[in-house]
């Protein structure tokens, strides 16, 4: 039996390059996922901040709306009294 030259180093080198390519692809995908999660988290925080600002504005508007409602109720009752007095 003769020793035949082993041809495995060439495919093994290609396989190693392929493995590194796969590892790089997985790391790039993981980095993309982390980046996207960071963007979504930042948007969520920004929306929460904006919502809190709007809630503070609404707290100031509620008493105004209550006063307007009381005025409208008063004017409606006054109009009813005037109509009933006119009949």
PDB file of N, CA and C in Angstrom:
ATOM      1  N   UNK A   1       0.821  -1.168   0.000  1.00  0.00           N
ATOM      2  CA  UNK A   1       0.000   0.000   0.000  1.00  0.00           C
ATOM      3  C   UNK A   1       0.871   1.238   0.000  1.00  0.00           C
ATOM      4  N   UNK A   2       0.438   2.099  -0.823  1.00  0.00           N
ATOM      5  CA  UNK A   2       1.177   3.352  -0.896  1.00  0.00           C
ATOM      6  C   UNK A   2       0.412   4.419  -0.131  1.00  0.00           C
ATOM      7  N   UNK A   3       1.184   5.306   0.438  1.00  0.00           N
ATOM      8  CA  UNK A   3       0.539   6.432   1.119  1.00  0.00           C
ATOM      9  C   UNK A   3       0.084   7.422   0.054  1.00  0.00           C
ATOM     10  N   UNK A   4      -1.187   7.646   0.033  1.00  0.00           N
ATOM     11  CA  UNK A   4      -1.727   8.618  -0.912  1.00  0.00           C
ATOM     12  C   UNK A   4      -1.720   9.988  -0.252  1.00  0.00           C
ATOM     13  N   UNK A   5      -1.428  10.998  -1.016  1.00  0.00           N
ATOM     14  CA  UNK A   5      -1.415  12.330  -0.417  1.00  0.00           C
ATOM     15  C   UNK A   5      -2.811  12.689   0.096  1.00  0.00           C
ATOM     16  N   UNK A   6      -2.828  13.247   1.249  1.00  0.00           N
ATOM     17  CA  UNK A   6      -4.087  13.632   1.871  1.00  0.00           C
ATOM     18  C   UNK A   6      -4.530  14.959   1.258  1.00  0.00           C
ATOM     19  N   UNK A   7      -5.723  14.960   0.684  1.00  0.00           N
ATOM     20  CA  UNK A   7      -6.217  16.171   0.044  1.00  0.00           C
ATOM     21  C   UNK A   7      -7.148  16.954   0.971  1.00  0.00           C
ATOM     22  N   UNK A   8      -7.217  16.599   2.206  1.00  0.00           N
ATOM     23  CA  UNK A   8      -8.146  17.250   3.124  1.00  0.00           C
ATOM     24  C   UNK A   8      -7.733  18.657   3.549  1.00  0.00           C
ATOM     25  N   UNK A   9      -6.436  19.054   3.511  1.00  0.00           N
ATOM     26  CA  UNK A   9      -6.139  20.423   3.956  1.00  0.00           C
ATOM     27  C   UNK A   9      -6.825  21.496   3.111  1.00  0.00           C
ATOM     28  N   UNK A  10      -6.915  21.292   1.802  1.00  0.00           N
ATOM     29  CA  UNK A  10      -7.552  22.314   0.973  1.00  0.00           C
ATOM     30  C   UNK A  10      -9.038  22.457   1.300  1.00  0.00           C
ATOM     31  N   UNK A  11      -9.819  21.375   1.351  1.00  0.00           N
ATOM     32  CA  UNK A  11     -11.224  21.546   1.720  1.00  0.00           C
ATOM     33  C   UNK A  11     -11.380  22.052   3.155  1.00  0.00           C
ATOM     34  N   UNK A  12     -10.491  21.661   4.050  1.00  0.00           N
ATOM     35  CA  UNK A  12     -10.592  22.113   5.441  1.00  0.00           C
ATOM     36  C   UNK A  12     -10.348  23.621   5.527  1.00  0.00           C
ATOM     37  N   UNK A  13      -9.433  24.140   4.727  1.00  0.00           N
ATOM     38  CA  UNK A  13      -9.192  25.579   4.718  1.00  0.00           C
ATOM     39  C   UNK A  13     -10.439  26.285   4.193  1.00  0.00           C
ATOM     40  N   UNK A  14     -11.060  25.760   3.144  1.00  0.00           N
ATOM     41  CA  UNK A  14     -12.283  26.356   2.619  1.00  0.00           C
ATOM     42  C   UNK A  14     -13.404  26.251   3.644  1.00  0.00           C
ATOM     43  N   UNK A  15     -13.468  25.132   4.329  1.00  0.00           N
ATOM     44  CA  UNK A  15     -14.501  24.958   5.342  1.00  0.00           C
ATOM     45  C   UNK A  15     -14.281  25.954   6.467  1.00  0.00           C
ATOM     46  N   UNK A  16     -13.049  26.198   6.833  1.00  0.00           N
ATOM     47  CA  UNK A  16     -12.763  27.156   7.888  1.00  0.00           C
ATOM     48  C   UNK A  16     -13.197  28.550   7.457  1.00  0.00           C
ATOM     49  N   UNK A  17     -12.939  28.893   6.205  1.00  0.00           N
ATOM     50  CA  UNK A  17     -13.385  30.189   5.698  1.00  0.00           C
ATOM     51  C   UNK A  17     -14.904  30.261   5.709  1.00  0.00           C
ATOM     52  N   UNK A  18     -15.547  29.175   5.343  1.00  0.00           N
ATOM     53  CA  UNK A  18     -17.006  29.144   5.374  1.00  0.00           C
ATOM     54  C   UNK A  18     -17.519  29.271   6.807  1.00  0.00           C
ATOM     55  N   UNK A  19     -16.856  28.588   7.718  1.00  0.00           N
ATOM     56  CA  UNK A  19     -17.275  28.681   9.119  1.00  0.00           C
ATOM     57  C   UNK A  19     -17.131  30.100   9.638  1.00  0.00           C
ATOM     58  N   UNK A  20     -16.000  30.750   9.288  1.00  0.00           N
ATOM     59  CA  UNK A  20     -15.820  32.145   9.721  1.00  0.00           C
ATOM     60  C   UNK A  20     -16.878  33.044   9.085  1.00  0.00           C
ATOM     61  N   UNK A  21     -17.231  32.746   7.852  1.00  0.00           N
ATOM     62  CA  UNK A  21     -18.293  33.516   7.202  1.00  0.00           C
ATOM     63  C   UNK A  21     -19.623  33.358   7.913  1.00  0.00           C
ATOM     64  N   UNK A  22     -19.911  32.127   8.324  1.00  0.00           N
ATOM     65  CA  UNK A  22     -21.149  31.870   9.059  1.00  0.00           C
ATOM     66  C   UNK A  22     -21.120  32.585  10.405  1.00  0.00           C
ATOM     67  N   UNK A  23     -19.987  32.503  11.096  1.00  0.00           N
ATOM     68  CA  UNK A  23     -19.865  33.174  12.395  1.00  0.00           C
ATOM     69  C   UNK A  23     -20.037  34.678  12.217  1.00  0.00           C
ATOM     70  N   UNK A  24     -19.405  35.242  11.209  1.00  0.00           N
ATOM     71  CA  UNK A  24     -19.550  36.679  10.953  1.00  0.00           C
ATOM     72  C   UNK A  24     -21.001  37.034  10.642  1.00  0.00           C
ATOM     73  N   UNK A  25     -21.673  36.204   9.856  1.00  0.00           N
ATOM     74  CA  UNK A  25     -23.080  36.456   9.512  1.00  0.00           C
ATOM     75  C   UNK A  25     -23.972  36.408  10.744  1.00  0.00           C
ATOM     76  N   UNK A  26     -23.724  35.440  11.599  1.00  0.00           N
ATOM     77  CA  UNK A  26     -24.522  35.334  12.830  1.00  0.00           C
ATOM     78  C   UNK A  26     -24.278  36.549  13.722  1.00  0.00           C
ATOM     79  N   UNK A  27     -23.009  36.952  13.851  1.00  0.00           N
ATOM     80  CA  UNK A  27     -22.709  38.133  14.670  1.00  0.00           C
ATOM     81  C   UNK A  27     -23.326  39.395  14.072  1.00  0.00           C
ATOM     82  N   UNK A  28     -23.285  39.518  12.755  1.00  0.00           N
ATOM     83  CA  UNK A  28     -23.899  40.686  12.108  1.00  0.00           C
ATOM     84  C   UNK A  28     -25.407  40.691  12.323  1.00  0.00           C
ATOM     85  N   UNK A  29     -26.025  39.532  12.240  1.00  0.00           N
ATOM     86  CA  UNK A  29     -27.467  39.445  12.486  1.00  0.00           C
ATOM     87  C   UNK A  29     -27.791  39.794  13.932  1.00  0.00           C
ATOM     88  N   UNK A  30     -26.985  39.296  14.854  1.00  0.00           N
ATOM     89  CA  UNK A  30     -27.201  39.612  16.270  1.00  0.00           C
ATOM     90  C   UNK A  30     -27.015  41.102  16.518  1.00  0.00           C
ATOM     91  N   UNK A  31     -26.023  41.690  15.901  1.00  0.00           N
ATOM     92  CA  UNK A  31     -25.808  43.134  16.035  1.00  0.00           C
ATOM     93  C   UNK A  31     -26.975  43.924  15.475  1.00  0.00           C
ATOM     94  N   UNK A  32     -27.512  43.468  14.363  1.00  0.00           N
ATOM     95  CA  UNK A  32     -28.665  44.129  13.759  1.00  0.00           C
ATOM     96  C   UNK A  32     -29.883  44.049  14.678  1.00  0.00           C
ATOM     97  N   UNK A  33     -30.075  42.898  15.293  1.00  0.00           N
ATOM     98  CA  UNK A  33     -31.199  42.722  16.222  1.00  0.00           C
ATOM     99  C   UNK A  33     -31.035  43.631  17.433  1.00  0.00           C
ATOM    100  N   UNK A  34     -29.832  43.704  17.973  1.00  0.00           N
ATOM    101  CA  UNK A  34     -29.581  44.567  19.131  1.00  0.00           C
ATOM    102  C   UNK A  34     -29.803  46.026  18.756  1.00  0.00           C
ATOM    103  N   UNK A  35     -29.320  46.445  17.598  1.00  0.00           N
ATOM    104  CA  UNK A  35     -29.511  47.817  17.150  1.00  0.00           C
ATOM    105  C   UNK A  35     -30.996  48.135  16.988  1.00  0.00           C
ATOM    106  N   UNK A  36     -31.734  47.230  16.344  1.00  0.00           N
ATOM    107  CA  UNK A  36     -33.170  47.436  16.149  1.00  0.00           C
ATOM    108  C   UNK A  36     -33.900  47.505  17.483  1.00  0.00           C
ATOM    109  N   UNK A  37     -33.516  46.643  18.417  1.00  0.00           N
ATOM    110  CA  UNK A  37     -34.143  46.672  19.748  1.00  0.00           C
ATOM    111  C   UNK A  37     -33.845  48.001  20.439  1.00  0.00           C
ATOM    112  N   UNK A  38     -32.642  48.513  20.270  1.00  0.00           N
ATOM    113  CA  UNK A  38     -32.298  49.805  20.859  1.00  0.00           C
ATOM    114  C   UNK A  38     -33.118  50.936  20.266  1.00  0.00           C
ATOM    115  N   UNK A  39     -33.337  50.901  18.962  1.00  0.00           N
ATOM    116  CA  UNK A  39     -34.148  51.935  18.310  1.00  0.00           C
ATOM    117  C   UNK A  39     -35.588  51.862  18.799  1.00  0.00           C
ATOM    118  N   UNK A  40     -36.129  50.657  18.876  1.00  0.00           N
ATOM    119  CA  UNK A  40     -37.502  50.490  19.357  1.00  0.00           C
ATOM    120  C   UNK A  40     -37.612  50.948  20.807  1.00  0.00           C
ATOM    121  N   UNK A  41     -36.639  50.610  21.638  1.00  0.00           N
ATOM    122  CA  UNK A  41     -36.646  51.028  23.043  1.00  0.00           C
ATOM    123  C   UNK A  41     -36.581  52.555  23.151  1.00  0.00           C
ATOM    124  N   UNK A  42     -35.752  53.178  22.334  1.00  0.00           N
ATOM    125  CA  UNK A  42     -35.655  54.639  22.341  1.00  0.00           C
ATOM    126  C   UNK A  42     -36.961  55.290  21.909  1.00  0.00           C
ATOM    127  N   UNK A  43     -37.595  54.736  20.883  1.00  0.00           N
ATOM    128  CA  UNK A  43     -38.888  55.261  20.441  1.00  0.00           C
ATOM    129  C   UNK A  43     -39.944  55.100  21.533  1.00  0.00           C
ATOM    130  N   UNK A  44     -39.916  53.971  22.218  1.00  0.00           N
ATOM    131  CA  UNK A  44     -40.865  53.728  23.302  1.00  0.00           C
ATOM    132  C   UNK A  44     -40.688  54.762  24.411  1.00  0.00           C
ATOM    133  N   UNK A  45     -39.456  55.026  24.796  1.00  0.00           N
ATOM    134  CA  UNK A  45     -39.183  56.034  25.839  1.00  0.00           C
ATOM    135  C   UNK A  45     -39.638  57.423  25.379  1.00  0.00           C
ATOM    136  N   UNK A  46     -39.395  57.738  24.107  1.00  0.00           N
ATOM    137  CA  UNK A  46     -39.795  59.038  23.581  1.00  0.00           C
ATOM    138  C   UNK A  46     -41.319  59.179  23.592  1.00  0.00           C
ATOM    139  N   UNK A  47     -42.031  58.120  23.211  1.00  0.00           N
ATOM    140  CA  UNK A  47     -43.491  58.167  23.229  1.00  0.00           C
ATOM    141  C   UNK A  47     -44.022  58.282  24.656  1.00  0.00           C
ATOM    142  N   UNK A  48     -43.394  57.592  25.598  1.00  0.00           N
ATOM    143  CA  UNK A  48     -43.815  57.709  26.994  1.00  0.00           C
ATOM    144  C   UNK A  48     -43.613  59.133  27.501  1.00  0.00           C
ATOM    145  N   UNK A  49     -42.507  59.743  27.127  1.00  0.00           N
ATOM    146  CA  UNK A  49     -42.233  61.125  27.549  1.00  0.00           C
ATOM    147  C   UNK A  49     -43.278  62.067  26.969  1.00  0.00           C
ATOM    148  N   UNK A  50     -43.585  61.891  25.690  1.00  0.00           N
ATOM    149  CA  UNK A  50     -44.598  62.738  25.059  1.00  0.00           C
ATOM    150  C   UNK A  50     -45.962  62.533  25.697  1.00  0.00           C
ATOM    151  N   UNK A  51     -46.300  61.302  26.023  1.00  0.00           N
ATOM    152  CA  UNK A  51     -47.584  61.003  26.659  1.00  0.00           C
ATOM    153  C   UNK A  51     -47.688  61.679  28.020  1.00  0.00           C
ATOM    154  N   UNK A  52     -46.614  61.660  28.784  1.00  0.00           N
ATOM    155  CA  UNK A  52     -46.621  62.332  30.080  1.00  0.00           C
ATOM    156  C   UNK A  52     -46.832  63.834  29.922  1.00  0.00           C
ATOM    157  N   UNK A  53     -46.227  64.434  28.911  1.00  0.00           N
ATOM    158  CA  UNK A  53     -46.420  65.863  28.653  1.00  0.00           C
ATOM    159  C   UNK A  53     -47.884  66.140  28.312  1.00  0.00           C
ATOM    160  N   UNK A  54     -48.477  65.291  27.486  1.00  0.00           N
ATOM    161  CA  UNK A  54     -49.880  65.482  27.111  1.00  0.00           C
ATOM    162  C   UNK A  54     -50.801  65.302  28.305  1.00  0.00           C
ATOM    163  N   UNK A  55     -50.483  64.351  29.189  1.00  0.00           N
ATOM    164  CA  UNK A  55     -51.310  64.146  30.380  1.00  0.00           C
ATOM    165  C   UNK A  55     -51.266  65.369  31.287  1.00  0.00           C
ATOM    166  N   UNK A  56     -50.103  66.000  31.404  1.00  0.00           N
ATOM    167  CA  UNK A  56     -50.000  67.214  32.212  1.00  0.00           C
ATOM    168  C   UNK A  56     -50.857  68.312  31.591  1.00  0.00           C
ATOM    169  N   UNK A  57     -50.827  68.436  30.271  1.00  0.00           N
ATOM    170  CA  UNK A  57     -51.656  69.426  29.590  1.00  0.00           C
ATOM    171  C   UNK A  57     -53.140  69.140  29.819  1.00  0.00           C
ATOM    172  N   UNK A  58     -53.507  67.865  29.779  1.00  0.00           N
ATOM    173  CA  UNK A  58     -54.911  67.502  29.979  1.00  0.00           C
ATOM    174  C   UNK A  58     -55.359  67.813  31.400  1.00  0.00           C
ATOM    175  N   UNK A  59     -54.480  67.660  32.375  1.00  0.00           N
ATOM    176  CA  UNK A  59     -54.832  67.983  33.753  1.00  0.00           C
ATOM    177  C   UNK A  59     -55.182  69.459  33.890  1.00  0.00           C
ATOM    178  N   UNK A  60     -54.562  70.309  33.112  1.00  0.00           N
ATOM    179  CA  UNK A  60     -54.875  71.738  33.132  1.00  0.00           C
ATOM    180  C   UNK A  60     -56.157  72.067  32.397  1.00  0.00           C
ATOM    181  N   UNK A  61     -56.538  71.250  31.425  1.00  0.00           N
ATOM    182  CA  UNK A  61     -57.725  71.513  30.613  1.00  0.00           C
ATOM    183  C   UNK A  61     -59.003  71.054  31.313  1.00  0.00           C
ATOM    184  N   UNK A  62     -58.931  70.035  32.129  1.00  0.00           N
ATOM    185  CA  UNK A  62     -60.132  69.463  32.753  1.00  0.00           C
ATOM    186  C   UNK A  62     -60.919  70.510  33.542  1.00  0.00           C
ATOM    187  N   UNK A  63     -60.308  71.335  34.401  1.00  0.00           N
ATOM    188  CA  UNK A  63     -61.110  72.352  35.102  1.00  0.00           C
ATOM    189  C   UNK A  63     -61.768  73.350  34.141  1.00  0.00           C
ATOM    190  N   UNK A  64     -61.098  73.696  33.060  1.00  0.00           N
ATOM    191  CA  UNK A  64     -61.681  74.610  32.078  1.00  0.00           C
ATOM    192  C   UNK A  64     -62.921  73.988  31.445  1.00  0.00           C
ATOM    193  N   UNK A  65     -62.829  72.707  31.098  1.00  0.00           N
ATOM    194  CA  UNK A  65     -63.966  72.014  30.486  1.00  0.00           C
ATOM    195  C   UNK A  65     -65.118  71.934  31.479  1.00  0.00           C
ATOM    196  N   UNK A  66     -64.834  71.708  32.745  1.00  0.00           N
ATOM    197  CA  UNK A  66     -65.884  71.656  33.761  1.00  0.00           C
ATOM    198  C   UNK A  66     -66.578  73.014  33.887  1.00  0.00           C
ATOM    199  N   UNK A  67     -65.811  74.108  33.840  1.00  0.00           N
ATOM    200  CA  UNK A  67     -66.418  75.441  33.911  1.00  0.00           C
ATOM    201  C   UNK A  67     -67.277  75.709  32.685  1.00  0.00           C
ATOM    202  N   UNK A  68     -66.781  75.317  31.520  1.00  0.00           N
ATOM    203  CA  UNK A  68     -67.567  75.499  30.300  1.00  0.00           C
ATOM    204  C   UNK A  68     -68.862  74.707  30.383  1.00  0.00           C
ATOM    205  N   UNK A  69     -68.777  73.467  30.879  1.00  0.00           N
ATOM    206  CA  UNK A  69     -69.965  72.624  31.015  1.00  0.00           C
ATOM    207  C   UNK A  69     -70.971  73.270  31.973  1.00  0.00           C
ATOM    208  N   UNK A  70     -70.496  73.815  33.081  1.00  0.00           N
ATOM    209  CA  UNK A  70     -71.386  74.476  34.036  1.00  0.00           C
ATOM    210  C   UNK A  70     -72.039  75.695  33.393  1.00  0.00           C
ATOM    211  N   UNK A  71     -71.276  76.470  32.623  1.00  0.00           N
ATOM    212  CA  UNK A  71     -71.835  77.644  31.943  1.00  0.00           C
ATOM    213  C   UNK A  71     -72.884  77.239  30.918  1.00  0.00           C
ATOM    214  N   UNK A  72     -72.627  76.192  30.170  1.00  0.00           N
ATOM    215  CA  UNK A  72     -73.587  75.729  29.164  1.00  0.00           C
ATOM    216  C   UNK A  72     -74.859  75.237  29.841  1.00  0.00           C
ATOM    217  N   UNK A  73     -74.703  74.517  30.925  1.00  0.00           N
ATOM    218  CA  UNK A  73     -75.871  74.036  31.673  1.00  0.00           C
ATOM    219  C   UNK A  73     -76.685  75.223  32.179  1.00  0.00           C
ATOM    220  N   UNK A  74     -76.021  76.215  32.734  1.00  0.00           N
ATOM    221  CA  UNK A  74     -76.705  77.412  33.225  1.00  0.00           C
ATOM    222  C   UNK A  74     -77.439  78.125  32.095  1.00  0.00           C
ATOM    223  N   UNK A  75     -76.774  78.294  30.949  1.00  0.00           N
ATOM    224  CA  UNK A  75     -77.406  78.981  29.819  1.00  0.00           C
ATOM    225  C   UNK A  75     -78.577  78.176  29.260  1.00  0.00           C
ATOM    226  N   UNK A  76     -78.463  76.858  29.253  1.00  0.00           N
ATOM    227  CA  UNK A  76     -79.564  76.019  28.767  1.00  0.00           C
ATOM    228  C   UNK A  76     -80.769  76.144  29.691  1.00  0.00           C
ATOM    229  N   UNK A  77     -80.549  76.138  30.992  1.00  0.00           N
ATOM    230  CA  UNK A  77     -81.657  76.289  31.935  1.00  0.00           C
ATOM    231  C   UNK A  77     -82.279  77.679  31.822  1.00  0.00           C
ATOM    232  N   UNK A  78     -81.439  78.686  31.636  1.00  0.00           N
ATOM    233  CA  UNK A  78     -81.940  80.048  31.478  1.00  0.00           C
ATOM    234  C   UNK A  78     -82.794  80.155  30.218  1.00  0.00           C
ATOM    235  N   UNK A  79     -82.373  79.521  29.140  1.00  0.00           N
ATOM    236  CA  UNK A  79     -83.142  79.537  27.891  1.00  0.00           C
ATOM    237  C   UNK A  79     -84.462  78.815  28.073  1.00  0.00           C
ATOM    238  N   UNK A  80     -84.492  77.722  28.810  1.00  0.00           N
ATOM    239  CA  UNK A  80     -85.737  76.984  29.059  1.00  0.00           C
ATOM    240  C   UNK A  80     -86.702  77.852  29.874  1.00  0.00           C
ATOM    241  N   UNK A  81     -86.156  78.533  30.890  1.00  0.00           N
ATOM    242  CA  UNK A  81     -87.001  79.397  31.713  1.00  0.00           C
ATOM    243  C   UNK A  81     -87.595  80.526  30.881  1.00  0.00           C
ATOM    244  N   UNK A  82     -86.786  81.117  29.989  1.00  0.00           N
ATOM    245  CA  UNK A  82     -87.290  82.192  29.139  1.00  0.00           C
ATOM    246  C   UNK A  82     -88.368  81.686  28.188  1.00  0.00           C
ATOM    247  N   UNK A  83     -88.181  80.481  27.655  1.00  0.00           N
ATOM    248  CA  UNK A  83     -89.201  79.910  26.762  1.00  0.00           C
ATOM    249  C   UNK A  83     -90.483  79.589  27.511  1.00  0.00           C
ATOM    250  N   UNK A  84     -90.324  79.043  28.732  1.00  0.00           N
ATOM    251  CA  UNK A  84     -91.525  78.707  29.497  1.00  0.00           C
ATOM    252  C   UNK A  84     -92.228  79.973  29.996  1.00  0.00           C
ATOM    253  N   UNK A  85     -91.496  81.037  30.261  1.00  0.00           N
ATOM    254  CA  UNK A  85     -92.115  82.295  30.686  1.00  0.00           C
ATOM    255  C   UNK A  85     -92.801  82.979  29.510  1.00  0.00           C
ATOM    256  N   UNK A  86     -92.330  82.760  28.327  1.00  0.00           N
ATOM    257  CA  UNK A  86     -92.895  83.384  27.139  1.00  0.00           C
ATOM    258  C   UNK A  86     -94.166  82.720  26.671  1.00  0.00           C
ATOM    259  N   UNK A  87     -94.450  81.530  27.083  1.00  0.00           N
ATOM    260  CA  UNK A  87     -95.643  80.801  26.626  1.00  0.00           C
ATOM    261  C   UNK A  87     -96.864  81.267  27.308  1.00  0.00           C
TER     262      UNK A  87
END
